[in-house]
Amino acid sequence: PRLRLGDQRADDRRRPRGAAWVEVRVNPIGPDLAVALADVSAEGIGVWLTDPVQPGREVEVSLVRPEGGTPVRVPAEVRWCAQGADWTYRAGLRLLSQLAECDVADLSLSDGDPFEDH
């Protein structure tokens, strides 16, 4: 099978919990470009964005747990970004600081099955 850009990762992606929320900003006072969280892992996240972001660009990510509380804020690097089937863009972000296992657990479904994006 051919390796896709989004599949070049060392850890398992997990489906986000329905109420998990993400913000992605190119600069701290810029607009939130995130539409939705697509997947989450300790080393990176997949997101749907309103606008394209150049690969290699650093962005600020805020992840909000479904039950609320203090958001997890972490810088990330855009690894790839592609036009979606509609007006959105799908992007893979490498987190510059890994998420703690408890944060991954809070943000993702707990069925234990890695997310397979086919």
C-alpha atoms as a PDB file:
ATOM      1  CA  PRO A   1       0.000   0.000   0.000  1.00  0.00           C
ATOM      2  CA  ARG A   2       1.080   3.548  -0.730  1.00  0.00           C
ATOM      3  CA  LEU A   3       1.998   5.717   2.251  1.00  0.00           C
ATOM      4  CA  ARG A   4       0.011   8.940   2.403  1.00  0.00           C
ATOM      5  CA  LEU A   5       1.338  12.160   3.924  1.00  0.00           C
ATOM      6  CA  GLY A   6      -0.956  11.867   6.920  1.00  0.00           C
ATOM      7  CA  ASP A   7       0.267   8.349   7.686  1.00  0.00           C
ATOM      8  CA  GLN A   8       3.883   9.238   8.472  1.00  0.00           C
ATOM      9  CA  ARG A   9       3.635   9.143  12.259  1.00  0.00           C
ATOM     10  CA  ALA A  10       5.115   7.151  15.103  1.00  0.00           C
ATOM     11  CA  ASP A  11       2.016   7.014  17.318  1.00  0.00           C
ATOM     12  CA  ASP A  12      -1.624   6.017  16.920  1.00  0.00           C
ATOM     13  CA  ARG A  13      -4.266   8.548  16.013  1.00  0.00           C
ATOM     14  CA  ARG A  14      -7.462   8.351  18.040  1.00  0.00           C
ATOM     15  CA  ARG A  15     -10.940   9.573  17.237  1.00  0.00           C
ATOM     16  CA  PRO A  16     -11.739  12.728  19.207  1.00  0.00           C
ATOM     17  CA  ARG A  17     -14.542  12.688  21.737  1.00  0.00           C
ATOM     18  CA  GLY A  18     -17.578  14.447  20.337  1.00  0.00           C
ATOM     19  CA  ALA A  19     -17.368  17.486  22.586  1.00  0.00           C
ATOM     20  CA  ALA A  20     -13.573  17.928  22.322  1.00  0.00           C
ATOM     21  CA  TRP A  21     -12.822  21.293  20.783  1.00  0.00           C
ATOM     22  CA  VAL A  22      -9.755  22.773  19.087  1.00  0.00           C
ATOM     23  CA  GLU A  23      -8.560  26.259  18.173  1.00  0.00           C
ATOM     24  CA  VAL A  24      -5.744  26.870  15.665  1.00  0.00           C
ATOM     25  CA  ARG A  25      -4.223  30.324  15.246  1.00  0.00           C
ATOM     26  CA  VAL A  26      -1.354  31.463  13.038  1.00  0.00           C
ATOM     27  CA  ASN A  27      -0.644  34.168  15.628  1.00  0.00           C
ATOM     28  CA  PRO A  28      -2.030  34.604  19.157  1.00  0.00           C
ATOM     29  CA  ILE A  29      -4.331  37.502  18.232  1.00  0.00           C
ATOM     30  CA  GLY A  30      -5.320  36.122  14.830  1.00  0.00           C
ATOM     31  CA  PRO A  31      -8.600  34.408  13.985  1.00  0.00           C
ATOM     32  CA  ASP A  32      -9.312  30.820  14.976  1.00  0.00           C
ATOM     33  CA  LEU A  33      -8.971  28.788  11.751  1.00  0.00           C
ATOM     34  CA  ALA A  34     -10.213  25.485  13.190  1.00  0.00           C
ATOM     35  CA  VAL A  35     -13.485  23.958  12.052  1.00  0.00           C
ATOM     36  CA  ALA A  36     -13.106  20.622  13.847  1.00  0.00           C
ATOM     37  CA  LEU A  37     -10.667  18.188  15.427  1.00  0.00           C
ATOM     38  CA  ALA A  38     -10.242  15.165  13.132  1.00  0.00           C
ATOM     39  CA  ASP A  39      -7.882  12.997  15.197  1.00  0.00           C
ATOM     40  CA  VAL A  40      -5.565  13.222  18.177  1.00  0.00           C
ATOM     41  CA  SER A  41      -2.364  11.550  19.357  1.00  0.00           C
ATOM     42  CA  ALA A  42       0.423  12.411  21.794  1.00  0.00           C
ATOM     43  CA  GLU A  43       2.618  13.786  18.991  1.00  0.00           C
ATOM     44  CA  GLY A  44       0.115  15.408  16.658  1.00  0.00           C
ATOM     45  CA  ILE A  45      -3.433  16.219  15.645  1.00  0.00           C
ATOM     46  CA  GLY A  46      -5.470  16.289  12.476  1.00  0.00           C
ATOM     47  CA  VAL A  47      -7.752  19.273  11.972  1.00  0.00           C
ATOM     48  CA  TRP A  48     -10.212  20.763   9.509  1.00  0.00           C
ATOM     49  CA  LEU A  49      -9.470  24.447   8.820  1.00  0.00           C
ATOM     50  CA  THR A  50     -11.293  27.368   7.189  1.00  0.00           C
ATOM     51  CA  ASP A  51      -8.177  28.496   5.295  1.00  0.00           C
ATOM     52  CA  PRO A  52      -4.993  26.831   4.054  1.00  0.00           C
ATOM     53  CA  VAL A  53      -1.813  27.135   6.123  1.00  0.00           C
ATOM     54  CA  GLN A  54       1.632  26.701   4.583  1.00  0.00           C
ATOM     55  CA  PRO A  55       3.454  23.484   5.618  1.00  0.00           C
ATOM     56  CA  GLY A  56       6.342  24.340   7.920  1.00  0.00           C
ATOM     57  CA  ARG A  57       4.411  27.214   9.508  1.00  0.00           C
ATOM     58  CA  GLU A  58       4.203  27.270  13.300  1.00  0.00           C
ATOM     59  CA  VAL A  59       0.709  27.672  14.778  1.00  0.00           C
ATOM     60  CA  GLU A  60      -0.760  27.937  18.268  1.00  0.00           C
ATOM     61  CA  VAL A  61      -3.133  25.119  19.230  1.00  0.00           C
ATOM     62  CA  SER A  62      -5.627  25.105  22.110  1.00  0.00           C
ATOM     63  CA  LEU A  63      -7.358  21.819  22.915  1.00  0.00           C
ATOM     64  CA  VAL A  64     -10.440  21.919  25.140  1.00  0.00           C
ATOM     65  CA  ARG A  65     -11.544  18.781  26.962  1.00  0.00           C
ATOM     66  CA  PRO A  66     -15.216  17.782  26.648  1.00  0.00           C
ATOM     67  CA  GLU A  67     -15.763  18.380  30.368  1.00  0.00           C
ATOM     68  CA  GLY A  68     -14.184  21.843  30.164  1.00  0.00           C
ATOM     69  CA  GLY A  69     -11.390  23.069  32.383  1.00  0.00           C
ATOM     70  CA  THR A  70      -8.159  24.748  31.391  1.00  0.00           C
ATOM     71  CA  PRO A  71      -7.356  24.260  27.692  1.00  0.00           C
ATOM     72  CA  VAL A  72      -4.149  22.471  26.728  1.00  0.00           C
ATOM     73  CA  ARG A  73      -2.100  25.035  24.788  1.00  0.00           C
ATOM     74  CA  VAL A  74       0.801  23.862  22.652  1.00  0.00           C
ATOM     75  CA  PRO A  75       2.706  25.174  19.633  1.00  0.00           C
ATOM     76  CA  ALA A  76       2.596  22.976  16.542  1.00  0.00           C
ATOM     77  CA  GLU A  77       4.126  22.770  13.077  1.00  0.00           C
ATOM     78  CA  VAL A  78       1.918  22.340  10.023  1.00  0.00           C
ATOM     79  CA  ARG A  79       3.219  19.181   8.328  1.00  0.00           C
ATOM     80  CA  TRP A  80       0.739  19.144   5.438  1.00  0.00           C
ATOM     81  CA  CYS A  81      -2.421  20.922   4.339  1.00  0.00           C
ATOM     82  CA  ALA A  82      -4.793  19.937   1.527  1.00  0.00           C
ATOM     83  CA  GLN A  83      -8.097  21.162   0.100  1.00  0.00           C
ATOM     84  CA  GLY A  84     -11.060  19.242   1.494  1.00  0.00           C
ATOM     85  CA  ALA A  85     -14.082  18.085  -0.470  1.00  0.00           C
ATOM     86  CA  ASP A  86     -15.907  21.315   0.357  1.00  0.00           C
ATOM     87  CA  TRP A  87     -14.796  24.758   1.563  1.00  0.00           C
ATOM     88  CA  THR A  88     -12.510  23.340   4.265  1.00  0.00           C
ATOM     89  CA  TYR A  89      -8.857  22.330   4.387  1.00  0.00           C
ATOM     90  CA  ARG A  90      -7.500  19.230   6.122  1.00  0.00           C
ATOM     91  CA  ALA A  91      -4.169  19.614   7.910  1.00  0.00           C
ATOM     92  CA  GLY A  92      -1.781  17.490   9.929  1.00  0.00           C
ATOM     93  CA  LEU A  93      -0.061  19.269  12.814  1.00  0.00           C
ATOM     94  CA  ARG A  94       3.010  17.998  14.677  1.00  0.00           C
ATOM     95  CA  LEU A  95       2.869  19.145  18.282  1.00  0.00           C
ATOM     96  CA  LEU A  96       6.137  20.720  19.428  1.00  0.00           C
ATOM     97  CA  SER A  97       5.464  19.413  22.966  1.00  0.00           C
ATOM     98  CA  GLN A  98       3.896  15.976  23.328  1.00  0.00           C
ATOM     99  CA  LEU A  99       0.514  15.671  24.980  1.00  0.00           C
ATOM    100  CA  ALA A 100       0.424  13.791  28.269  1.00  0.00           C
ATOM    101  CA  GLU A 101      -1.318  10.412  28.114  1.00  0.00           C
ATOM    102  CA  CYS A 102      -4.063  11.764  30.398  1.00  0.00           C
ATOM    103  CA  ASP A 103      -4.718  14.610  27.922  1.00  0.00           C
ATOM    104  CA  VAL A 104      -4.912  12.174  24.982  1.00  0.00           C
ATOM    105  CA  ALA A 105      -7.327  10.038  27.029  1.00  0.00           C
ATOM    106  CA  ASP A 106      -9.478  13.080  27.922  1.00  0.00           C
ATOM    107  CA  LEU A 107      -9.658  14.252  24.295  1.00  0.00           C
ATOM    108  CA  SER A 108     -10.194  10.908  22.554  1.00  0.00           C
ATOM    109  CA  LEU A 109     -12.617   8.017  22.566  1.00  0.00           C
ATOM    110  CA  SER A 110     -11.614   5.271  24.959  1.00  0.00           C
ATOM    111  CA  ASP A 111     -12.481   2.274  22.781  1.00  0.00           C
ATOM    112  CA  GLY A 112      -8.781   1.499  22.460  1.00  0.00           C
ATOM    113  CA  ASP A 113      -8.902   1.170  18.680  1.00  0.00           C
ATOM    114  CA  PRO A 114      -6.643   3.461  16.680  1.00  0.00           C
ATOM    115  CA  PHE A 115      -8.366   5.616  14.091  1.00  0.00           C
ATOM    116  CA  GLU A 116      -7.916   4.380  10.540  1.00  0.00           C
ATOM    117  CA  ASP A 117      -8.556   7.111   7.960  1.00  0.00           C
ATOM    118  CA  HIS A 118      -9.356   5.318   4.690  1.00  0.00           C
END
